[in-house]
Amino acid sequence: MKYLLTILMWLPVQAACTRGTPSTQAAQQSVDGEIEVRPSGAVRPAYTAEQNRAEAERAKANNESVGSGTNDGRLHRTIVAKLGIDLETVGLNMNVDVDDGIVTLRGMVDFVQQKQDAERIVKETDGVQAVVNKLRVSKRWRIQHDRARRKADQPAADLQEFHE
């Protein structure tokens, strides 16, 4: 039995479209298509070798890599799409590498929270075996954070002098 489901929504796909994945490029123009609804626990068919090779080529064009694992191509495509539409990670300069279900995130982010959000999104993706988060936080944020921490510590030092 098949169901027809119509979804009307706004998607923040502009930044994702710059990544060049066909699904996000199409979404920029319109969201139109069919969604297959399956009972929970349904198993998706593995990517074909050809689909995996095609995704590997798209990844290579973005300085990313996709392994030869059965679902590496599907994982890469899914993760890139999820990171591209999530409000916390959209537009971030990061690379996604997938090899046998192990996902490596590389690149530079502005805030620690963005690094944590990206890792959370990847971990929540079905099929991910492990996440290696090599995202680096920009030096500008670390300097500002250190200054704020020193200011917060300063009153305690002043109070200690007062009691001595």
N, C-alpha and C. Protein backbone atom coordinates (compact mmCIF):
# COMPACT_ATOMS: atom_id res chain seq x y z
N MET A 1 0.85 -1.17 0.00
CA MET A 1 0.00 0.00 0.00
C MET A 1 0.90 1.24 0.00
N LYS A 2 0.61 2.19 -0.88
CA LYS A 2 1.38 3.43 -0.95
C LYS A 2 0.50 4.59 -0.53
N TYR A 3 1.12 5.58 0.08
CA TYR A 3 0.42 6.77 0.54
C TYR A 3 0.97 7.98 -0.21
N LEU A 4 0.13 8.94 -0.48
CA LEU A 4 0.58 10.19 -1.08
C LEU A 4 0.58 11.24 0.01
N LEU A 5 1.70 11.87 0.20
CA LEU A 5 1.86 12.86 1.26
C LEU A 5 2.36 14.16 0.63
N THR A 6 1.65 15.24 0.88
CA THR A 6 2.07 16.54 0.37
C THR A 6 2.55 17.37 1.55
N ILE A 7 3.75 17.91 1.42
CA ILE A 7 4.33 18.72 2.49
C ILE A 7 4.63 20.10 1.93
N LEU A 8 4.12 21.11 2.58
CA LEU A 8 4.42 22.49 2.20
C LEU A 8 5.24 23.09 3.33
N MET A 9 6.46 23.53 3.02
CA MET A 9 7.32 24.11 4.05
C MET A 9 8.40 24.95 3.42
N TRP A 10 9.00 25.77 4.25
CA TRP A 10 10.15 26.57 3.83
C TRP A 10 11.39 25.87 4.33
N LEU A 11 12.38 25.71 3.47
CA LEU A 11 13.63 25.08 3.86
C LEU A 11 14.77 26.06 3.67
N PRO A 12 15.66 26.20 4.68
CA PRO A 12 16.83 27.08 4.53
C PRO A 12 17.93 26.38 3.74
N VAL A 13 17.74 26.27 2.43
CA VAL A 13 18.66 25.49 1.63
C VAL A 13 19.67 26.32 0.85
N GLN A 14 19.63 27.63 0.94
CA GLN A 14 20.52 28.44 0.11
C GLN A 14 21.99 28.06 0.29
N ALA A 15 22.46 27.97 1.53
CA ALA A 15 23.86 27.63 1.76
C ALA A 15 24.15 26.21 1.33
N ALA A 16 23.21 25.31 1.53
CA ALA A 16 23.41 23.92 1.14
C ALA A 16 23.55 23.81 -0.38
N CYS A 17 22.88 24.67 -1.11
CA CYS A 17 22.93 24.62 -2.56
C CYS A 17 24.31 24.92 -3.10
N THR A 18 25.09 25.68 -2.35
CA THR A 18 26.44 26.00 -2.81
C THR A 18 27.33 24.77 -2.77
N ARG A 19 26.96 23.73 -2.01
CA ARG A 19 27.75 22.51 -1.92
C ARG A 19 27.64 21.73 -3.23
N GLY A 20 26.58 21.97 -3.99
CA GLY A 20 26.48 21.36 -5.30
C GLY A 20 25.83 19.99 -5.34
N THR A 21 25.16 19.58 -4.28
CA THR A 21 24.49 18.29 -4.36
C THR A 21 23.20 18.45 -5.16
N PRO A 22 22.90 17.53 -6.04
CA PRO A 22 21.72 17.67 -6.89
C PRO A 22 20.44 17.84 -6.09
N SER A 23 20.31 17.15 -4.95
CA SER A 23 19.07 17.25 -4.19
C SER A 23 18.87 18.64 -3.63
N THR A 24 19.94 19.31 -3.19
CA THR A 24 19.78 20.65 -2.64
C THR A 24 19.63 21.68 -3.75
N GLN A 25 20.24 21.44 -4.89
CA GLN A 25 20.05 22.36 -6.01
C GLN A 25 18.60 22.34 -6.47
N ALA A 26 18.02 21.15 -6.52
CA ALA A 26 16.63 21.04 -6.92
C ALA A 26 15.72 21.68 -5.87
N ALA A 27 16.08 21.52 -4.60
CA ALA A 27 15.25 22.08 -3.52
C ALA A 27 15.25 23.60 -3.55
N GLN A 28 16.30 24.20 -4.07
CA GLN A 28 16.35 25.65 -4.14
C GLN A 28 15.23 26.17 -5.04
N GLN A 29 14.93 25.44 -6.09
CA GLN A 29 13.92 25.89 -7.03
C GLN A 29 12.52 25.53 -6.56
N SER A 30 12.35 24.31 -6.09
CA SER A 30 11.05 23.90 -5.56
C SER A 30 11.21 22.58 -4.83
N VAL A 31 10.30 22.33 -3.93
CA VAL A 31 10.27 21.04 -3.24
C VAL A 31 9.08 20.30 -3.81
N ASP A 32 9.35 19.30 -4.62
CA ASP A 32 8.29 18.57 -5.29
C ASP A 32 8.78 17.15 -5.50
N GLY A 33 8.01 16.19 -5.13
CA GLY A 33 8.41 14.81 -5.35
C GLY A 33 7.60 13.88 -4.49
N GLU A 34 8.02 12.65 -4.45
CA GLU A 34 7.32 11.65 -3.68
C GLU A 34 8.17 11.22 -2.50
N ILE A 35 7.51 10.93 -1.41
CA ILE A 35 8.17 10.42 -0.23
C ILE A 35 7.57 9.07 0.07
N GLU A 36 8.39 8.07 0.20
CA GLU A 36 7.89 6.75 0.53
C GLU A 36 7.84 6.61 2.04
N VAL A 37 6.70 6.30 2.58
CA VAL A 37 6.52 6.13 4.02
C VAL A 37 6.64 4.65 4.32
N ARG A 38 7.58 4.30 5.22
CA ARG A 38 7.81 2.91 5.58
C ARG A 38 7.58 2.72 7.08
N PRO A 39 7.21 1.54 7.47
CA PRO A 39 7.10 1.28 8.91
C PRO A 39 8.47 1.42 9.56
N SER A 40 8.49 1.80 10.85
CA SER A 40 9.77 1.92 11.53
C SER A 40 10.48 0.58 11.51
N GLY A 41 11.80 0.65 11.43
CA GLY A 41 12.59 -0.56 11.37
C GLY A 41 12.80 -1.07 9.97
N ALA A 42 12.20 -0.41 8.97
CA ALA A 42 12.39 -0.84 7.59
C ALA A 42 13.84 -0.61 7.18
N VAL A 43 14.39 -1.51 6.44
CA VAL A 43 15.79 -1.42 6.02
C VAL A 43 15.85 -0.84 4.62
N ARG A 44 16.69 0.19 4.47
CA ARG A 44 16.89 0.77 3.15
C ARG A 44 17.82 -0.12 2.35
N PRO A 45 17.59 -0.21 1.05
CA PRO A 45 18.54 -0.96 0.24
C PRO A 45 19.87 -0.23 0.19
N ALA A 46 20.94 -0.99 0.13
CA ALA A 46 22.27 -0.38 0.09
C ALA A 46 22.43 0.40 -1.21
N TYR A 47 23.29 1.42 -1.14
CA TYR A 47 23.64 2.15 -2.35
C TYR A 47 24.27 1.17 -3.32
N THR A 48 24.00 1.34 -4.59
CA THR A 48 24.69 0.51 -5.57
C THR A 48 26.12 1.00 -5.70
N ALA A 49 26.96 0.18 -6.27
CA ALA A 49 28.37 0.56 -6.46
C ALA A 49 28.44 1.82 -7.33
N GLU A 50 27.56 1.91 -8.32
CA GLU A 50 27.55 3.10 -9.20
C GLU A 50 27.14 4.35 -8.44
N GLN A 51 26.12 4.24 -7.60
CA GLN A 51 25.70 5.39 -6.79
C GLN A 51 26.82 5.82 -5.85
N ASN A 52 27.51 4.85 -5.27
CA ASN A 52 28.61 5.15 -4.36
C ASN A 52 29.74 5.87 -5.10
N ARG A 53 30.06 5.41 -6.31
CA ARG A 53 31.10 6.06 -7.11
C ARG A 53 30.71 7.50 -7.46
N ALA A 54 29.44 7.70 -7.81
CA ALA A 54 28.97 9.04 -8.17
C ALA A 54 29.07 9.97 -6.96
N GLU A 55 28.68 9.49 -5.79
CA GLU A 55 28.78 10.31 -4.58
C GLU A 55 30.24 10.58 -4.23
N ALA A 56 31.10 9.61 -4.45
CA ALA A 56 32.53 9.79 -4.20
C ALA A 56 33.10 10.90 -5.10
N GLU A 57 32.64 10.96 -6.34
CA GLU A 57 33.10 12.01 -7.26
C GLU A 57 32.61 13.38 -6.80
N ARG A 58 31.36 13.48 -6.36
CA ARG A 58 30.84 14.75 -5.84
C ARG A 58 31.62 15.17 -4.60
N ALA A 59 31.91 14.20 -3.74
CA ALA A 59 32.66 14.50 -2.52
C ALA A 59 34.07 14.99 -2.87
N LYS A 60 34.70 14.32 -3.81
CA LYS A 60 36.07 14.69 -4.22
C LYS A 60 36.12 16.12 -4.73
N ALA A 61 35.09 16.55 -5.43
CA ALA A 61 35.03 17.92 -5.94
C ALA A 61 34.98 18.95 -4.81
N ASN A 62 34.55 18.53 -3.62
CA ASN A 62 34.49 19.41 -2.44
C ASN A 62 35.62 19.13 -1.45
N ASN A 63 36.67 18.44 -1.92
CA ASN A 63 37.81 18.10 -1.07
C ASN A 63 37.39 17.18 0.09
N GLU A 64 36.48 16.27 -0.22
CA GLU A 64 35.99 15.30 0.76
C GLU A 64 36.23 13.90 0.21
N SER A 65 35.99 12.89 1.04
CA SER A 65 36.18 11.53 0.55
C SER A 65 35.05 10.62 1.00
N VAL A 66 34.77 9.64 0.16
CA VAL A 66 33.77 8.62 0.45
C VAL A 66 34.44 7.28 0.23
N GLY A 67 34.39 6.43 1.25
CA GLY A 67 35.01 5.11 1.15
C GLY A 67 34.20 4.17 0.28
N SER A 68 34.66 2.94 0.20
CA SER A 68 33.99 1.96 -0.64
C SER A 68 32.99 1.12 0.14
N GLY A 69 32.76 1.47 1.41
CA GLY A 69 31.79 0.75 2.23
C GLY A 69 30.41 0.78 1.59
N THR A 70 29.61 -0.22 1.89
CA THR A 70 28.30 -0.40 1.27
C THR A 70 27.44 0.85 1.32
N ASN A 71 27.39 1.52 2.45
CA ASN A 71 26.51 2.68 2.59
C ASN A 71 27.27 4.00 2.78
N ASP A 72 28.55 4.04 2.47
CA ASP A 72 29.33 5.27 2.65
C ASP A 72 28.78 6.41 1.81
N GLY A 73 28.41 6.13 0.58
CA GLY A 73 27.86 7.17 -0.29
C GLY A 73 26.56 7.73 0.25
N ARG A 74 25.67 6.84 0.68
CA ARG A 74 24.40 7.28 1.24
C ARG A 74 24.64 8.10 2.51
N LEU A 75 25.53 7.63 3.38
CA LEU A 75 25.83 8.38 4.60
C LEU A 75 26.36 9.77 4.28
N HIS A 76 27.29 9.85 3.34
CA HIS A 76 27.87 11.15 2.98
C HIS A 76 26.79 12.10 2.50
N ARG A 77 25.98 11.62 1.59
CA ARG A 77 24.93 12.47 1.02
C ARG A 77 23.95 12.92 2.11
N THR A 78 23.55 12.01 2.99
CA THR A 78 22.61 12.33 4.06
C THR A 78 23.19 13.35 5.02
N ILE A 79 24.43 13.14 5.43
CA ILE A 79 25.06 14.03 6.42
C ILE A 79 25.27 15.42 5.84
N VAL A 80 25.75 15.49 4.61
CA VAL A 80 25.96 16.80 3.97
C VAL A 80 24.63 17.55 3.88
N ALA A 81 23.57 16.84 3.53
CA ALA A 81 22.25 17.49 3.44
C ALA A 81 21.78 17.96 4.81
N LYS A 82 21.94 17.12 5.84
CA LYS A 82 21.50 17.49 7.19
C LYS A 82 22.28 18.70 7.72
N LEU A 83 23.58 18.70 7.51
CA LEU A 83 24.40 19.83 7.97
C LEU A 83 24.06 21.09 7.18
N GLY A 84 23.66 20.92 5.93
CA GLY A 84 23.34 22.05 5.07
C GLY A 84 22.01 22.72 5.36
N ILE A 85 21.12 22.03 6.06
CA ILE A 85 19.82 22.65 6.36
C ILE A 85 19.61 22.94 7.83
N ASP A 86 20.45 22.41 8.70
CA ASP A 86 20.29 22.67 10.13
C ASP A 86 20.65 24.12 10.43
N LEU A 87 19.81 24.80 11.18
CA LEU A 87 20.02 26.23 11.45
C LEU A 87 21.32 26.51 12.19
N GLU A 88 21.83 25.54 12.94
CA GLU A 88 23.07 25.74 13.70
C GLU A 88 24.32 25.51 12.85
N THR A 89 24.19 24.78 11.75
CA THR A 89 25.38 24.43 10.97
C THR A 89 25.33 24.88 9.52
N VAL A 90 24.22 25.45 9.08
CA VAL A 90 24.09 25.86 7.68
C VAL A 90 25.18 26.89 7.33
N GLY A 91 25.82 26.69 6.21
CA GLY A 91 26.82 27.65 5.74
C GLY A 91 28.18 27.54 6.38
N LEU A 92 28.40 26.55 7.26
CA LEU A 92 29.72 26.41 7.88
C LEU A 92 30.70 25.82 6.88
N ASN A 93 31.96 26.18 7.05
CA ASN A 93 33.01 25.71 6.17
C ASN A 93 33.59 24.42 6.74
N MET A 94 32.97 23.29 6.37
CA MET A 94 33.47 22.02 6.89
C MET A 94 33.44 20.97 5.81
N ASN A 95 34.27 19.96 5.99
CA ASN A 95 34.33 18.84 5.07
C ASN A 95 33.87 17.58 5.79
N VAL A 96 33.26 16.68 5.04
CA VAL A 96 32.74 15.43 5.59
C VAL A 96 33.39 14.27 4.84
N ASP A 97 34.11 13.44 5.56
CA ASP A 97 34.70 12.23 4.99
C ASP A 97 34.01 11.03 5.63
N VAL A 98 33.73 10.01 4.83
CA VAL A 98 33.07 8.80 5.34
C VAL A 98 33.84 7.59 4.85
N ASP A 99 34.18 6.71 5.78
CA ASP A 99 34.86 5.46 5.42
C ASP A 99 34.37 4.35 6.34
N ASP A 100 33.68 3.38 5.77
CA ASP A 100 33.10 2.26 6.52
C ASP A 100 32.26 2.72 7.71
N GLY A 101 31.47 3.74 7.50
CA GLY A 101 30.57 4.23 8.54
C GLY A 101 31.21 5.15 9.56
N ILE A 102 32.51 5.37 9.44
CA ILE A 102 33.21 6.30 10.34
C ILE A 102 33.27 7.65 9.64
N VAL A 103 32.71 8.67 10.29
CA VAL A 103 32.60 10.00 9.70
C VAL A 103 33.62 10.92 10.34
N THR A 104 34.40 11.59 9.50
CA THR A 104 35.38 12.57 9.98
C THR A 104 34.94 13.95 9.52
N LEU A 105 34.84 14.87 10.48
CA LEU A 105 34.50 16.27 10.18
C LEU A 105 35.78 17.07 10.23
N ARG A 106 36.04 17.86 9.19
CA ARG A 106 37.23 18.71 9.14
C ARG A 106 36.81 20.12 8.76
N GLY A 107 37.59 21.09 9.18
CA GLY A 107 37.34 22.47 8.80
C GLY A 107 37.41 23.41 9.98
N MET A 108 36.93 24.62 9.76
CA MET A 108 37.00 25.68 10.77
C MET A 108 35.58 26.18 11.06
N VAL A 109 35.28 26.33 12.34
CA VAL A 109 34.00 26.89 12.76
C VAL A 109 34.28 28.10 13.65
N ASP A 110 33.27 28.93 13.84
CA ASP A 110 33.45 30.14 14.63
C ASP A 110 33.30 29.91 16.13
N PHE A 111 32.47 28.95 16.52
CA PHE A 111 32.16 28.76 17.94
C PHE A 111 32.22 27.29 18.33
N VAL A 112 32.51 27.03 19.58
CA VAL A 112 32.55 25.67 20.09
C VAL A 112 31.18 25.00 19.91
N GLN A 113 30.11 25.76 20.11
CA GLN A 113 28.77 25.20 19.98
C GLN A 113 28.52 24.65 18.57
N GLN A 114 29.05 25.31 17.55
CA GLN A 114 28.89 24.83 16.18
C GLN A 114 29.59 23.49 16.00
N LYS A 115 30.75 23.35 16.59
CA LYS A 115 31.50 22.09 16.53
C LYS A 115 30.68 20.98 17.19
N GLN A 116 30.11 21.27 18.34
CA GLN A 116 29.31 20.29 19.06
C GLN A 116 28.02 19.96 18.30
N ASP A 117 27.38 20.97 17.72
CA ASP A 117 26.14 20.74 16.96
C ASP A 117 26.41 19.85 15.75
N ALA A 118 27.49 20.10 15.04
CA ALA A 118 27.82 19.29 13.86
C ALA A 118 28.02 17.83 14.27
N GLU A 119 28.74 17.61 15.35
CA GLU A 119 28.97 16.25 15.82
C GLU A 119 27.66 15.57 16.23
N ARG A 120 26.79 16.32 16.91
CA ARG A 120 25.51 15.77 17.34
C ARG A 120 24.67 15.34 16.13
N ILE A 121 24.63 16.19 15.11
CA ILE A 121 23.85 15.89 13.91
C ILE A 121 24.36 14.61 13.25
N VAL A 122 25.67 14.48 13.16
CA VAL A 122 26.25 13.28 12.53
C VAL A 122 25.94 12.05 13.36
N LYS A 123 26.09 12.14 14.69
CA LYS A 123 25.83 10.99 15.55
C LYS A 123 24.37 10.53 15.48
N GLU A 124 23.46 11.45 15.21
CA GLU A 124 22.04 11.12 15.12
C GLU A 124 21.65 10.49 13.79
N THR A 125 22.60 10.35 12.89
CA THR A 125 22.33 9.80 11.56
C THR A 125 22.45 8.28 11.59
N ASP A 126 21.40 7.59 11.15
CA ASP A 126 21.42 6.13 11.12
C ASP A 126 22.57 5.63 10.25
N GLY A 127 23.28 4.63 10.74
CA GLY A 127 24.36 4.02 9.99
C GLY A 127 25.74 4.52 10.36
N VAL A 128 25.81 5.61 11.12
CA VAL A 128 27.12 6.15 11.53
C VAL A 128 27.67 5.27 12.65
N GLN A 129 28.88 4.75 12.44
CA GLN A 129 29.52 3.89 13.44
C GLN A 129 30.29 4.72 14.48
N ALA A 130 30.94 5.79 14.02
CA ALA A 130 31.73 6.64 14.92
C ALA A 130 31.93 7.99 14.24
N VAL A 131 32.26 9.00 15.06
CA VAL A 131 32.52 10.35 14.56
C VAL A 131 33.90 10.78 15.04
N VAL A 132 34.71 11.25 14.11
CA VAL A 132 36.01 11.84 14.44
C VAL A 132 35.86 13.33 14.14
N ASN A 133 35.78 14.12 15.20
CA ASN A 133 35.53 15.55 15.03
C ASN A 133 36.85 16.31 15.04
N LYS A 134 37.32 16.66 13.84
CA LYS A 134 38.57 17.43 13.70
C LYS A 134 38.29 18.89 13.39
N LEU A 135 37.04 19.33 13.64
CA LEU A 135 36.70 20.73 13.41
C LEU A 135 37.50 21.59 14.39
N ARG A 136 38.03 22.68 13.89
CA ARG A 136 38.79 23.61 14.74
C ARG A 136 37.98 24.87 14.95
N VAL A 137 38.08 25.41 16.16
CA VAL A 137 37.39 26.65 16.50
C VAL A 137 38.33 27.80 16.18
N SER A 138 37.77 28.84 15.56
CA SER A 138 38.61 29.96 15.12
C SER A 138 39.33 30.62 16.30
N LYS A 139 40.49 31.13 16.02
CA LYS A 139 41.32 31.77 17.04
C LYS A 139 40.60 32.99 17.62
N ARG A 140 39.84 33.69 16.78
CA ARG A 140 39.12 34.87 17.24
C ARG A 140 38.19 34.52 18.40
N TRP A 141 37.46 33.39 18.28
CA TRP A 141 36.55 32.99 19.34
C TRP A 141 37.33 32.64 20.60
N ARG A 142 38.43 31.90 20.45
CA ARG A 142 39.21 31.48 21.63
C ARG A 142 39.75 32.70 22.38
N ILE A 143 40.20 33.72 21.65
CA ILE A 143 40.72 34.94 22.31
C ILE A 143 39.60 35.63 23.07
N GLN A 144 38.44 35.78 22.44
CA GLN A 144 37.31 36.42 23.12
C GLN A 144 36.86 35.61 24.33
N HIS A 145 36.84 34.31 24.20
CA HIS A 145 36.43 33.44 25.30
C HIS A 145 37.42 33.54 26.47
N ASP A 146 38.71 33.56 26.16
CA ASP A 146 39.72 33.69 27.21
C ASP A 146 39.60 35.02 27.94
N ARG A 147 39.37 36.09 27.19
CA ARG A 147 39.20 37.41 27.82
C ARG A 147 37.99 37.42 28.75
N ALA A 148 36.89 36.85 28.30
CA ALA A 148 35.68 36.81 29.13
C ALA A 148 35.91 35.97 30.38
N ARG A 149 36.63 34.86 30.24
CA ARG A 149 36.91 34.01 31.39
C ARG A 149 37.80 34.73 32.39
N ARG A 150 38.81 35.45 31.89
CA ARG A 150 39.69 36.21 32.79
C ARG A 150 38.93 37.29 33.53
N LYS A 151 38.01 37.96 32.84
CA LYS A 151 37.19 38.98 33.49
C LYS A 151 36.32 38.35 34.57
N ALA A 152 35.78 37.19 34.29
CA ALA A 152 34.92 36.50 35.27
C ALA A 152 35.74 36.06 36.48
N ASP A 153 37.00 35.69 36.27
CA ASP A 153 37.86 35.25 37.37
C ASP A 153 38.38 36.43 38.19
N GLN A 154 38.45 37.60 37.59
CA GLN A 154 39.03 38.77 38.24
C GLN A 154 38.31 39.17 39.53
N PRO A 155 36.98 39.26 39.59
CA PRO A 155 36.32 39.64 40.85
C PRO A 155 36.66 38.69 42.00
N ALA A 156 36.80 37.41 41.72
CA ALA A 156 37.14 36.45 42.77
C ALA A 156 38.53 36.76 43.33
N ALA A 157 39.46 37.14 42.48
CA ALA A 157 40.81 37.48 42.93
C ALA A 157 40.76 38.75 43.77
N ASP A 158 39.96 39.73 43.35
CA ASP A 158 39.83 40.97 44.11
C ASP A 158 39.24 40.70 45.49
N LEU A 159 38.26 39.81 45.56
CA LEU A 159 37.63 39.47 46.82
C LEU A 159 38.62 38.77 47.75
N GLN A 160 39.45 37.94 47.19
CA GLN A 160 40.42 37.21 48.00
C GLN A 160 41.39 38.20 48.63
N GLU A 161 41.85 39.21 47.88
CA GLU A 161 42.74 40.24 48.42
C GLU A 161 42.06 41.00 49.56
N PHE A 162 40.76 41.25 49.41
CA PHE A 162 40.01 41.99 50.41
C PHE A 162 39.98 41.25 51.75
N HIS A 163 39.85 39.90 51.69
CA HIS A 163 39.77 39.11 52.90
C HIS A 163 41.12 38.89 53.56
N GLU A 164 42.21 39.10 52.86
CA GLU A 164 43.54 38.85 53.43
C GLU A 164 43.96 39.92 54.33
